[in-house]
Amino acid sequence: SFGLLSMWQYNRAEEERIEFSAIAERLNSPPAQLAYSDGGESVNWQRVQLTGEYDPTAQLLIRNRPQSGGNGFWVATLLLTDEGGTWVVRGWVPAALGNREPAPTPPNGTITVDGYARTPENAAARKADDVPAGQASAMNPAGLSELVAAPRPSAWFLIAANDPELTPVPLPE
């Protein structure tokens, strides 16, 4: 039985190595044109550029996002493009800031966002009734759009490469 277990461990390690090398390739590739209906692991961490306008009425803080040794929030804002809407994680704010004041407002006008596509989290956008207004529990684009009565979003969301007003969300190592 140890022989079978060691073969399983070897095969699992090889699967992870292949998966990590595919992610590294997508992270370092030129921006791809993803269709709004594209989904699945093949889009995860794919570099993307989108042009549109942020909807300042469709912005939520995504709870429980630890970073740099502290708890905090992702700042998610809906970017409206010619094809539809994509939720963009513009960056991170510490919990103390997010609990006291609203997140920085997004820039006005047409903007091009450089970032990385991520597949939706498999959880309800608001898991409990005690989640305050303006906050959500999970990065689930369809659920977030329902919370703010916004257009139907893409099958993925975007982590912005940089937003000067917010702390960037780190990429996988």
C-alpha atoms as a PDB file:
ATOM      1  CA  SER A   1       0.000   0.000   0.000  1.00  0.00           C
ATOM      2  CA  PHE A   2       2.976   2.364   0.549  1.00  0.00           C
ATOM      3  CA  GLY A   3       3.935   1.817  -3.083  1.00  0.00           C
ATOM      4  CA  LEU A   4       0.479   2.894  -4.267  1.00  0.00           C
ATOM      5  CA  LEU A   5       0.553   5.911  -1.968  1.00  0.00           C
ATOM      6  CA  SER A   6       3.972   6.999  -3.221  1.00  0.00           C
ATOM      7  CA  MET A   7       2.806   6.687  -6.860  1.00  0.00           C
ATOM      8  CA  TRP A   8      -0.272   8.770  -6.014  1.00  0.00           C
ATOM      9  CA  GLN A   9       1.916  11.424  -4.369  1.00  0.00           C
ATOM     10  CA  TYR A  10       4.269  11.495  -7.367  1.00  0.00           C
ATOM     11  CA  ASN A  11       1.363  11.818  -9.838  1.00  0.00           C
ATOM     12  CA  ARG A  12      -0.258  14.571  -7.754  1.00  0.00           C
ATOM     13  CA  ALA A  13       3.034  16.506  -7.579  1.00  0.00           C
ATOM     14  CA  GLU A  14       3.413  16.196 -11.370  1.00  0.00           C
ATOM     15  CA  GLU A  15      -0.170  17.495 -11.904  1.00  0.00           C
ATOM     16  CA  GLU A  16       0.570  20.499  -9.658  1.00  0.00           C
ATOM     17  CA  ARG A  17       3.840  21.223 -11.488  1.00  0.00           C
ATOM     18  CA  ILE A  18       2.012  21.236 -14.836  1.00  0.00           C
ATOM     19  CA  GLU A  19      -0.753  23.457 -13.404  1.00  0.00           C
ATOM     20  CA  PHE A  20       1.775  25.931 -11.911  1.00  0.00           C
ATOM     21  CA  SER A  21       3.736  26.152 -15.172  1.00  0.00           C
ATOM     22  CA  ALA A  22       0.495  26.877 -17.098  1.00  0.00           C
ATOM     23  CA  ILE A  23      -0.371  29.666 -14.630  1.00  0.00           C
ATOM     24  CA  ALA A  24       3.156  31.113 -14.893  1.00  0.00           C
ATOM     25  CA  GLU A  25       2.839  31.111 -18.687  1.00  0.00           C
ATOM     26  CA  ARG A  26      -0.515  32.965 -18.535  1.00  0.00           C
ATOM     27  CA  LEU A  27       0.825  35.496 -15.984  1.00  0.00           C
ATOM     28  CA  ASN A  28       3.753  36.377 -18.248  1.00  0.00           C
ATOM     29  CA  SER A  29       1.897  36.344 -21.562  1.00  0.00           C
ATOM     30  CA  PRO A  30       0.764  39.420 -23.493  1.00  0.00           C
ATOM     31  CA  PRO A  31      -2.864  40.394 -22.712  1.00  0.00           C
ATOM     32  CA  ALA A  32      -5.363  37.995 -24.301  1.00  0.00           C
ATOM     33  CA  GLN A  33      -8.813  38.722 -25.706  1.00  0.00           C
ATOM     34  CA  LEU A  34     -11.177  36.704 -23.526  1.00  0.00           C
ATOM     35  CA  ALA A  35     -14.836  36.387 -24.446  1.00  0.00           C
ATOM     36  CA  TYR A  36     -17.264  37.211 -21.663  1.00  0.00           C
ATOM     37  CA  SER A  37     -18.562  33.637 -21.821  1.00  0.00           C
ATOM     38  CA  ASP A  38     -15.074  32.090 -21.408  1.00  0.00           C
ATOM     39  CA  GLY A  39     -14.612  30.337 -18.114  1.00  0.00           C
ATOM     40  CA  GLY A  40     -12.837  27.502 -16.388  1.00  0.00           C
ATOM     41  CA  GLU A  41      -9.265  26.984 -15.319  1.00  0.00           C
ATOM     42  CA  SER A  42      -7.893  27.926 -18.757  1.00  0.00           C
ATOM     43  CA  VAL A  43      -8.671  31.618 -18.039  1.00  0.00           C
ATOM     44  CA  ASN A  44      -7.409  31.608 -14.450  1.00  0.00           C
ATOM     45  CA  TRP A  45      -4.563  34.158 -14.092  1.00  0.00           C
ATOM     46  CA  GLN A  46      -4.695  34.985 -17.829  1.00  0.00           C
ATOM     47  CA  ARG A  47      -3.412  38.507 -18.429  1.00  0.00           C
ATOM     48  CA  VAL A  48      -6.191  40.709 -19.861  1.00  0.00           C
ATOM     49  CA  GLN A  49      -6.683  44.367 -20.788  1.00  0.00           C
ATOM     50  CA  LEU A  50     -10.186  45.853 -20.752  1.00  0.00           C
ATOM     51  CA  THR A  51     -11.345  49.344 -21.666  1.00  0.00           C
ATOM     52  CA  GLY A  52     -14.504  50.830 -20.213  1.00  0.00           C
ATOM     53  CA  GLU A  53     -15.889  53.039 -17.469  1.00  0.00           C
ATOM     54  CA  TYR A  54     -16.208  52.165 -13.802  1.00  0.00           C
ATOM     55  CA  ASP A  55     -19.724  52.270 -12.369  1.00  0.00           C
ATOM     56  CA  PRO A  56     -19.242  54.126  -9.043  1.00  0.00           C
ATOM     57  CA  THR A  57     -22.654  52.875  -7.828  1.00  0.00           C
ATOM     58  CA  ALA A  58     -21.506  49.241  -8.256  1.00  0.00           C
ATOM     59  CA  GLN A  59     -18.648  48.964  -5.757  1.00  0.00           C
ATOM     60  CA  LEU A  60     -18.385  46.504  -2.863  1.00  0.00           C
ATOM     61  CA  LEU A  61     -15.819  45.549  -0.235  1.00  0.00           C
ATOM     62  CA  ILE A  62     -15.094  41.797  -0.252  1.00  0.00           C
ATOM     63  CA  ARG A  63     -14.553  40.679   3.351  1.00  0.00           C
ATOM     64  CA  ASN A  64     -11.847  38.545   4.965  1.00  0.00           C
ATOM     65  CA  ARG A  65      -8.941  39.121   2.566  1.00  0.00           C
ATOM     66  CA  PRO A  66      -5.757  38.806   4.632  1.00  0.00           C
ATOM     67  CA  GLN A  67      -2.633  40.396   3.185  1.00  0.00           C
ATOM     68  CA  SER A  68       0.750  41.495   4.563  1.00  0.00           C
ATOM     69  CA  GLY A  69      -0.042  40.026   7.976  1.00  0.00           C
ATOM     70  CA  GLY A  70      -3.341  41.891   8.440  1.00  0.00           C
ATOM     71  CA  ASN A  71      -6.991  41.375   7.636  1.00  0.00           C
ATOM     72  CA  GLY A  72      -8.705  43.553   5.079  1.00  0.00           C
ATOM     73  CA  PHE A  73     -10.996  43.910   2.094  1.00  0.00           C
ATOM     74  CA  TRP A  74     -10.708  43.662  -1.654  1.00  0.00           C
ATOM     75  CA  VAL A  75     -12.242  46.716  -3.354  1.00  0.00           C
ATOM     76  CA  ALA A  76     -14.389  45.383  -6.223  1.00  0.00           C
ATOM     77  CA  THR A  77     -15.887  47.763  -8.801  1.00  0.00           C
ATOM     78  CA  LEU A  78     -17.913  46.963 -11.912  1.00  0.00           C
ATOM     79  CA  LEU A  79     -16.225  48.022 -15.168  1.00  0.00           C
ATOM     80  CA  LEU A  80     -18.733  48.620 -17.978  1.00  0.00           C
ATOM     81  CA  THR A  81     -17.372  47.788 -21.441  1.00  0.00           C
ATOM     82  CA  ASP A  82     -18.968  47.570 -24.886  1.00  0.00           C
ATOM     83  CA  GLU A  83     -19.456  43.812 -24.323  1.00  0.00           C
ATOM     84  CA  GLY A  84     -21.015  44.089 -20.858  1.00  0.00           C
ATOM     85  CA  GLY A  85     -19.647  44.249 -17.322  1.00  0.00           C
ATOM     86  CA  THR A  86     -16.641  42.802 -15.511  1.00  0.00           C
ATOM     87  CA  TRP A  87     -16.000  43.042 -11.799  1.00  0.00           C
ATOM     88  CA  VAL A  88     -12.504  44.388 -11.147  1.00  0.00           C
ATOM     89  CA  VAL A  89     -10.671  43.920  -7.858  1.00  0.00           C
ATOM     90  CA  ARG A  90      -8.931  47.296  -7.851  1.00  0.00           C
ATOM     91  CA  GLY A  91      -6.838  46.496  -4.774  1.00  0.00           C
ATOM     92  CA  TRP A  92      -6.817  45.943  -1.034  1.00  0.00           C
ATOM     93  CA  VAL A  93      -7.547  48.107   2.020  1.00  0.00           C
ATOM     94  CA  PRO A  94      -6.898  47.219   5.686  1.00  0.00           C
ATOM     95  CA  ALA A  95      -9.932  46.151   7.725  1.00  0.00           C
ATOM     96  CA  ALA A  96      -9.707  49.171  10.041  1.00  0.00           C
ATOM     97  CA  LEU A  97      -9.993  51.504   7.037  1.00  0.00           C
ATOM     98  CA  GLY A  98     -12.739  49.509   5.288  1.00  0.00           C
ATOM     99  CA  ASN A  99     -14.877  49.336   8.428  1.00  0.00           C
ATOM    100  CA  ARG A 100     -14.706  53.105   9.038  1.00  0.00           C
ATOM    101  CA  GLU A 101     -14.857  54.791   5.655  1.00  0.00           C
ATOM    102  CA  PRO A 102     -15.834  54.004   2.063  1.00  0.00           C
ATOM    103  CA  ALA A 103     -13.193  52.722  -0.351  1.00  0.00           C
ATOM    104  CA  PRO A 104     -11.583  55.246  -2.696  1.00  0.00           C
ATOM    105  CA  THR A 105     -13.916  56.086  -5.554  1.00  0.00           C
ATOM    106  CA  PRO A 106     -12.886  54.745  -8.961  1.00  0.00           C
ATOM    107  CA  PRO A 107     -11.500  57.074 -11.629  1.00  0.00           C
ATOM    108  CA  ASN A 108     -14.033  58.805 -13.912  1.00  0.00           C
ATOM    109  CA  GLY A 109     -14.173  58.452 -17.682  1.00  0.00           C
ATOM    110  CA  THR A 110     -12.828  55.806 -20.027  1.00  0.00           C
ATOM    111  CA  ILE A 111      -9.990  53.771 -18.559  1.00  0.00           C
ATOM    112  CA  THR A 112      -7.952  50.758 -19.678  1.00  0.00           C
ATOM    113  CA  VAL A 113      -7.457  48.217 -16.896  1.00  0.00           C
ATOM    114  CA  ASP A 114      -4.502  45.851 -17.111  1.00  0.00           C
ATOM    115  CA  GLY A 115      -5.011  42.805 -14.944  1.00  0.00           C
ATOM    116  CA  TYR A 116      -5.453  39.088 -14.483  1.00  0.00           C
ATOM    117  CA  ALA A 117      -8.642  37.070 -15.020  1.00  0.00           C
ATOM    118  CA  ARG A 118      -9.827  34.898 -12.152  1.00  0.00           C
ATOM    119  CA  THR A 119     -12.587  32.346 -12.013  1.00  0.00           C
ATOM    120  CA  PRO A 120     -15.468  33.128  -9.613  1.00  0.00           C
ATOM    121  CA  GLU A 121     -15.366  31.876  -6.047  1.00  0.00           C
ATOM    122  CA  ASN A 122     -17.778  29.026  -5.475  1.00  0.00           C
ATOM    123  CA  ALA A 123     -19.713  30.672  -2.634  1.00  0.00           C
ATOM    124  CA  ALA A 124     -22.663  33.013  -2.222  1.00  0.00           C
ATOM    125  CA  ALA A 125     -21.786  36.694  -2.601  1.00  0.00           C
ATOM    126  CA  ARG A 126     -23.432  37.367   0.759  1.00  0.00           C
ATOM    127  CA  LYS A 127     -23.239  34.325   3.020  1.00  0.00           C
ATOM    128  CA  ALA A 128     -24.992  35.794   6.057  1.00  0.00           C
ATOM    129  CA  ASP A 129     -27.651  38.400   6.788  1.00  0.00           C
ATOM    130  CA  ASP A 130     -25.319  40.236   9.176  1.00  0.00           C
ATOM    131  CA  VAL A 131     -22.925  41.328   6.391  1.00  0.00           C
ATOM    132  CA  PRO A 132     -23.132  45.158   6.344  1.00  0.00           C
ATOM    133  CA  ALA A 133     -24.390  47.048   3.298  1.00  0.00           C
ATOM    134  CA  GLY A 134     -21.571  47.778   0.883  1.00  0.00           C
ATOM    135  CA  GLN A 135     -19.797  44.534   1.763  1.00  0.00           C
ATOM    136  CA  ALA A 136     -19.879  41.003   0.364  1.00  0.00           C
ATOM    137  CA  SER A 137     -18.522  37.645   1.507  1.00  0.00           C
ATOM    138  CA  ALA A 138     -17.211  36.145  -1.735  1.00  0.00           C
ATOM    139  CA  MET A 139     -15.929  37.208  -5.150  1.00  0.00           C
ATOM    140  CA  ASN A 140     -18.890  35.789  -7.046  1.00  0.00           C
ATOM    141  CA  PRO A 141     -19.531  38.192  -9.974  1.00  0.00           C
ATOM    142  CA  ALA A 142     -23.131  37.116 -10.663  1.00  0.00           C
ATOM    143  CA  GLY A 143     -24.042  37.418  -6.980  1.00  0.00           C
ATOM    144  CA  LEU A 144     -22.299  40.794  -6.648  1.00  0.00           C
ATOM    145  CA  SER A 145     -24.273  42.114  -9.613  1.00  0.00           C
ATOM    146  CA  GLU A 146     -27.516  40.993  -7.962  1.00  0.00           C
ATOM    147  CA  LEU A 147     -26.549  42.842  -4.756  1.00  0.00           C
ATOM    148  CA  VAL A 148     -26.142  46.157  -6.612  1.00  0.00           C
ATOM    149  CA  ALA A 149     -28.766  45.578  -9.373  1.00  0.00           C
ATOM    150  CA  ALA A 150     -26.053  45.840 -12.040  1.00  0.00           C
ATOM    151  CA  PRO A 151     -25.796  44.253 -15.525  1.00  0.00           C
ATOM    152  CA  ARG A 152     -24.915  40.594 -15.868  1.00  0.00           C
ATOM    153  CA  PRO A 153     -21.110  40.249 -15.603  1.00  0.00           C
ATOM    154  CA  SER A 154     -18.549  38.122 -17.420  1.00  0.00           C
ATOM    155  CA  ALA A 155     -17.832  34.516 -16.410  1.00  0.00           C
ATOM    156  CA  TRP A 156     -14.653  35.720 -14.668  1.00  0.00           C
ATOM    157  CA  PHE A 157     -13.420  38.725 -12.732  1.00  0.00           C
ATOM    158  CA  LEU A 158     -10.245  40.760 -12.997  1.00  0.00           C
ATOM    159  CA  ILE A 159      -7.526  41.511 -10.455  1.00  0.00           C
ATOM    160  CA  ALA A 160      -6.070  44.859 -11.499  1.00  0.00           C
ATOM    161  CA  ALA A 161      -2.309  44.975 -11.946  1.00  0.00           C
ATOM    162  CA  ASN A 162      -2.174  48.390 -10.269  1.00  0.00           C
ATOM    163  CA  ASP A 163      -4.453  51.110  -8.947  1.00  0.00           C
ATOM    164  CA  PRO A 164      -2.484  54.031  -7.490  1.00  0.00           C
ATOM    165  CA  GLU A 165      -5.017  54.595  -4.679  1.00  0.00           C
ATOM    166  CA  LEU A 166      -5.026  51.022  -3.344  1.00  0.00           C
ATOM    167  CA  THR A 167      -2.559  48.373  -2.185  1.00  0.00           C
ATOM    168  CA  PRO A 168      -2.119  45.834  -5.031  1.00  0.00           C
ATOM    169  CA  VAL A 169      -3.329  42.271  -4.564  1.00  0.00           C
ATOM    170  CA  PRO A 170      -0.255  40.005  -4.858  1.00  0.00           C
ATOM    171  CA  LEU A 171       0.080  37.571  -7.748  1.00  0.00           C
ATOM    172  CA  PRO A 172       0.823  33.888  -7.160  1.00  0.00           C
ATOM    173  CA  GLU A 173       4.503  33.080  -6.670  1.00  0.00           C
END
